[in-house]
Amino acid sequence: QVQLVESGGGLVQAGGSLGLSCVASGTIFSRGIPDWYRQVTGKQRELVASMSSSTNTKYGDFVKGRFTISADSAKNTVYLQMNSLEPEDTAVYFCHLERWSRGTRYDYWGQGTQVTVSS
């Protein structure tokens, strides 16, 4: 059973930084690296960052070079370093893993961690 546990959220002033961590169990990163989504109250979840290797990363358009996703396969942990935070980045941040088995897609989500950026 795949489990994802996020940590590192909190309150930060605009322009500040936060680092999020997601520890994955029940899976290994060679089968896929978890990615990061976020959800603002009343809006749909949106992709923040994903990676398939250290040199193949993807970010949401709103990131604009401010965030960095990384992973440590030995620790089964994926990270999201967020710099130059803006009030608009206030959201619940989720760790997510997509799996396919026999033609069926499975989505695993962590419980989420709140990030609040004050102006």
C-alpha atoms as a PDB file:
ATOM      1  CA  GLN A   1       0.000   0.000   0.000  1.00  0.00           C
ATOM      2  CA  VAL A   2       1.438   3.333  -1.060  1.00  0.00           C
ATOM      3  CA  GLN A   3       1.495   6.034   1.586  1.00  0.00           C
ATOM      4  CA  LEU A   4       2.682   9.609   1.195  1.00  0.00           C
ATOM      5  CA  VAL A   5       3.353  11.883   4.153  1.00  0.00           C
ATOM      6  CA  GLU A   6       4.090  15.561   3.665  1.00  0.00           C
ATOM      7  CA  SER A   7       5.733  17.910   6.113  1.00  0.00           C
ATOM      8  CA  GLY A   8       7.265  21.357   6.177  1.00  0.00           C
ATOM      9  CA  GLY A   9       4.334  23.655   5.617  1.00  0.00           C
ATOM     10  CA  GLY A  10       3.730  26.727   7.714  1.00  0.00           C
ATOM     11  CA  LEU A  11       3.393  30.488   7.769  1.00  0.00           C
ATOM     12  CA  VAL A  12       5.938  32.662   6.016  1.00  0.00           C
ATOM     13  CA  GLN A  13       6.105  36.279   4.948  1.00  0.00           C
ATOM     14  CA  ALA A  14       6.057  37.257   1.308  1.00  0.00           C
ATOM     15  CA  GLY A  15       9.510  36.911  -0.190  1.00  0.00           C
ATOM     16  CA  GLY A  16      10.429  34.148   2.212  1.00  0.00           C
ATOM     17  CA  SER A  17      11.201  30.475   1.657  1.00  0.00           C
ATOM     18  CA  LEU A  18       9.835  27.118   2.735  1.00  0.00           C
ATOM     19  CA  GLY A  19      10.921  23.580   2.105  1.00  0.00           C
ATOM     20  CA  LEU A  20       8.436  20.733   1.877  1.00  0.00           C
ATOM     21  CA  SER A  21       9.193  17.038   2.189  1.00  0.00           C
ATOM     22  CA  CYS A  22       7.218  13.988   1.172  1.00  0.00           C
ATOM     23  CA  VAL A  23       8.184  10.565   2.456  1.00  0.00           C
ATOM     24  CA  ALA A  24       6.831   7.707   0.386  1.00  0.00           C
ATOM     25  CA  SER A  25       6.344   4.171   1.625  1.00  0.00           C
ATOM     26  CA  GLY A  26       5.123   1.090  -0.201  1.00  0.00           C
ATOM     27  CA  THR A  27       6.879   2.152  -3.375  1.00  0.00           C
ATOM     28  CA  ILE A  28      10.316   2.755  -4.797  1.00  0.00           C
ATOM     29  CA  PHE A  29      11.321   5.711  -6.927  1.00  0.00           C
ATOM     30  CA  SER A  30      12.450   3.564  -9.817  1.00  0.00           C
ATOM     31  CA  ARG A  31       8.735   2.962 -10.380  1.00  0.00           C
ATOM     32  CA  GLY A  32       7.934   6.660 -10.351  1.00  0.00           C
ATOM     33  CA  ILE A  33       8.729   9.759  -8.323  1.00  0.00           C
ATOM     34  CA  PRO A  34       5.907  11.498  -6.491  1.00  0.00           C
ATOM     35  CA  ASP A  35       5.034  14.974  -7.661  1.00  0.00           C
ATOM     36  CA  TRP A  36       3.621  18.068  -5.979  1.00  0.00           C
ATOM     37  CA  TYR A  37       0.192  19.605  -6.418  1.00  0.00           C
ATOM     38  CA  ARG A  38      -1.502  22.429  -4.613  1.00  0.00           C
ATOM     39  CA  GLN A  39      -5.067  23.467  -4.024  1.00  0.00           C
ATOM     40  CA  VAL A  40      -6.332  26.901  -3.230  1.00  0.00           C
ATOM     41  CA  THR A  41      -9.654  26.963  -1.414  1.00  0.00           C
ATOM     42  CA  GLY A  42     -12.454  26.857  -3.952  1.00  0.00           C
ATOM     43  CA  LYS A  43     -10.189  25.984  -6.871  1.00  0.00           C
ATOM     44  CA  GLN A  44      -9.033  22.791  -8.544  1.00  0.00           C
ATOM     45  CA  ARG A  45      -5.768  21.154  -7.667  1.00  0.00           C
ATOM     46  CA  GLU A  46      -2.956  22.181  -9.952  1.00  0.00           C
ATOM     47  CA  LEU A  47       0.421  20.687 -10.675  1.00  0.00           C
ATOM     48  CA  VAL A  48       3.282  22.473  -8.957  1.00  0.00           C
ATOM     49  CA  ALA A  49       6.237  20.306  -9.919  1.00  0.00           C
ATOM     50  CA  SER A  50       7.108  16.851 -11.158  1.00  0.00           C
ATOM     51  CA  MET A  51      10.246  14.991 -12.091  1.00  0.00           C
ATOM     52  CA  SER A  52      11.171  11.777 -13.832  1.00  0.00           C
ATOM     53  CA  SER A  53      14.890  12.237 -13.298  1.00  0.00           C
ATOM     54  CA  SER A  54      17.238  14.864 -11.922  1.00  0.00           C
ATOM     55  CA  THR A  55      17.429  16.453 -15.364  1.00  0.00           C
ATOM     56  CA  ASN A  56      13.815  16.051 -16.386  1.00  0.00           C
ATOM     57  CA  THR A  57      11.558  18.294 -14.338  1.00  0.00           C
ATOM     58  CA  LYS A  58       8.312  20.098 -15.028  1.00  0.00           C
ATOM     59  CA  TYR A  59       6.796  23.061 -13.251  1.00  0.00           C
ATOM     60  CA  GLY A  60       3.518  24.913 -13.282  1.00  0.00           C
ATOM     61  CA  ASP A  61       3.628  28.176 -15.229  1.00  0.00           C
ATOM     62  CA  PHE A  62       3.133  30.146 -12.031  1.00  0.00           C
ATOM     63  CA  VAL A  63       6.387  28.822 -10.560  1.00  0.00           C
ATOM     64  CA  LYS A  64       8.571  31.055 -12.761  1.00  0.00           C
ATOM     65  CA  GLY A  65      11.841  29.633 -11.494  1.00  0.00           C
ATOM     66  CA  ARG A  66      11.047  30.094  -7.823  1.00  0.00           C
ATOM     67  CA  PHE A  67      10.584  26.435  -6.822  1.00  0.00           C
ATOM     68  CA  THR A  68      12.819  23.401  -7.134  1.00  0.00           C
ATOM     69  CA  ILE A  69      11.805  19.761  -6.937  1.00  0.00           C
ATOM     70  CA  SER A  70      14.351  17.153  -5.949  1.00  0.00           C
ATOM     71  CA  ALA A  71      14.396  13.594  -4.716  1.00  0.00           C
ATOM     72  CA  ASP A  72      16.508  11.300  -2.586  1.00  0.00           C
ATOM     73  CA  SER A  73      15.760   7.743  -3.639  1.00  0.00           C
ATOM     74  CA  ALA A  74      17.720   6.284  -0.718  1.00  0.00           C
ATOM     75  CA  LYS A  75      15.339   8.056   1.668  1.00  0.00           C
ATOM     76  CA  ASN A  76      12.278   7.608  -0.554  1.00  0.00           C
ATOM     77  CA  THR A  77      11.726  11.320  -0.129  1.00  0.00           C
ATOM     78  CA  VAL A  78      10.836  14.041  -2.596  1.00  0.00           C
ATOM     79  CA  TYR A  79      11.364  17.683  -1.759  1.00  0.00           C
ATOM     80  CA  LEU A  80       9.983  21.004  -2.882  1.00  0.00           C
ATOM     81  CA  GLN A  81      12.061  24.062  -2.132  1.00  0.00           C
ATOM     82  CA  MET A  82      10.017  27.220  -2.506  1.00  0.00           C
ATOM     83  CA  ASN A  83      11.675  30.630  -2.671  1.00  0.00           C
ATOM     84  CA  SER A  84      10.351  34.139  -3.244  1.00  0.00           C
ATOM     85  CA  LEU A  85       6.951  33.098  -1.966  1.00  0.00           C
ATOM     86  CA  GLU A  86       3.961  35.255  -2.752  1.00  0.00           C
ATOM     87  CA  PRO A  87       0.563  35.500  -1.030  1.00  0.00           C
ATOM     88  CA  GLU A  88      -0.886  33.809  -4.125  1.00  0.00           C
ATOM     89  CA  ASP A  89       1.122  30.704  -3.220  1.00  0.00           C
ATOM     90  CA  THR A  90      -1.063  30.207  -0.164  1.00  0.00           C
ATOM     91  CA  ALA A  91      -2.600  26.751  -0.573  1.00  0.00           C
ATOM     92  CA  VAL A  92      -2.590  23.196   0.679  1.00  0.00           C
ATOM     93  CA  TYR A  93       0.293  21.370  -0.941  1.00  0.00           C
ATOM     94  CA  PHE A  94      -0.115  17.693  -1.718  1.00  0.00           C
ATOM     95  CA  CYS A  95       2.280  14.950  -2.602  1.00  0.00           C
ATOM     96  CA  HIS A  96       0.921  12.709  -5.351  1.00  0.00           C
ATOM     97  CA  LEU A  97       1.880   9.492  -7.084  1.00  0.00           C
ATOM     98  CA  GLU A  98       0.305   8.077 -10.215  1.00  0.00           C
ATOM     99  CA  ARG A  99       0.451   4.355 -10.847  1.00  0.00           C
ATOM    100  CA  TRP A 100      -0.808   2.180 -13.653  1.00  0.00           C
ATOM    101  CA  SER A 101      -1.665  -1.474 -13.219  1.00  0.00           C
ATOM    102  CA  ARG A 102      -3.298  -3.623 -15.875  1.00  0.00           C
ATOM    103  CA  GLY A 103      -4.623  -0.591 -17.667  1.00  0.00           C
ATOM    104  CA  THR A 104      -6.070   1.027 -14.552  1.00  0.00           C
ATOM    105  CA  ARG A 105      -4.784   4.292 -13.176  1.00  0.00           C
ATOM    106  CA  TYR A 106      -4.344   4.697  -9.438  1.00  0.00           C
ATOM    107  CA  ASP A 107      -3.744   8.053  -7.780  1.00  0.00           C
ATOM    108  CA  TYR A 108      -2.250   8.231  -4.336  1.00  0.00           C
ATOM    109  CA  TRP A 109      -2.355  11.436  -2.307  1.00  0.00           C
ATOM    110  CA  GLY A 110      -0.823  12.583   0.923  1.00  0.00           C
ATOM    111  CA  GLN A 111      -2.865  14.374   3.544  1.00  0.00           C
ATOM    112  CA  GLY A 112      -1.541  17.754   2.452  1.00  0.00           C
ATOM    113  CA  THR A 113       0.375  20.458   4.243  1.00  0.00           C
ATOM    114  CA  GLN A 114      -0.810  24.046   4.560  1.00  0.00           C
ATOM    115  CA  VAL A 115       1.382  26.830   3.250  1.00  0.00           C
ATOM    116  CA  THR A 116       0.336  30.349   4.152  1.00  0.00           C
ATOM    117  CA  VAL A 117       2.163  33.380   2.789  1.00  0.00           C
ATOM    118  CA  SER A 118       1.382  36.689   4.456  1.00  0.00           C
ATOM    119  CA  SER A 119       1.740  40.010   2.690  1.00  0.00           C
END
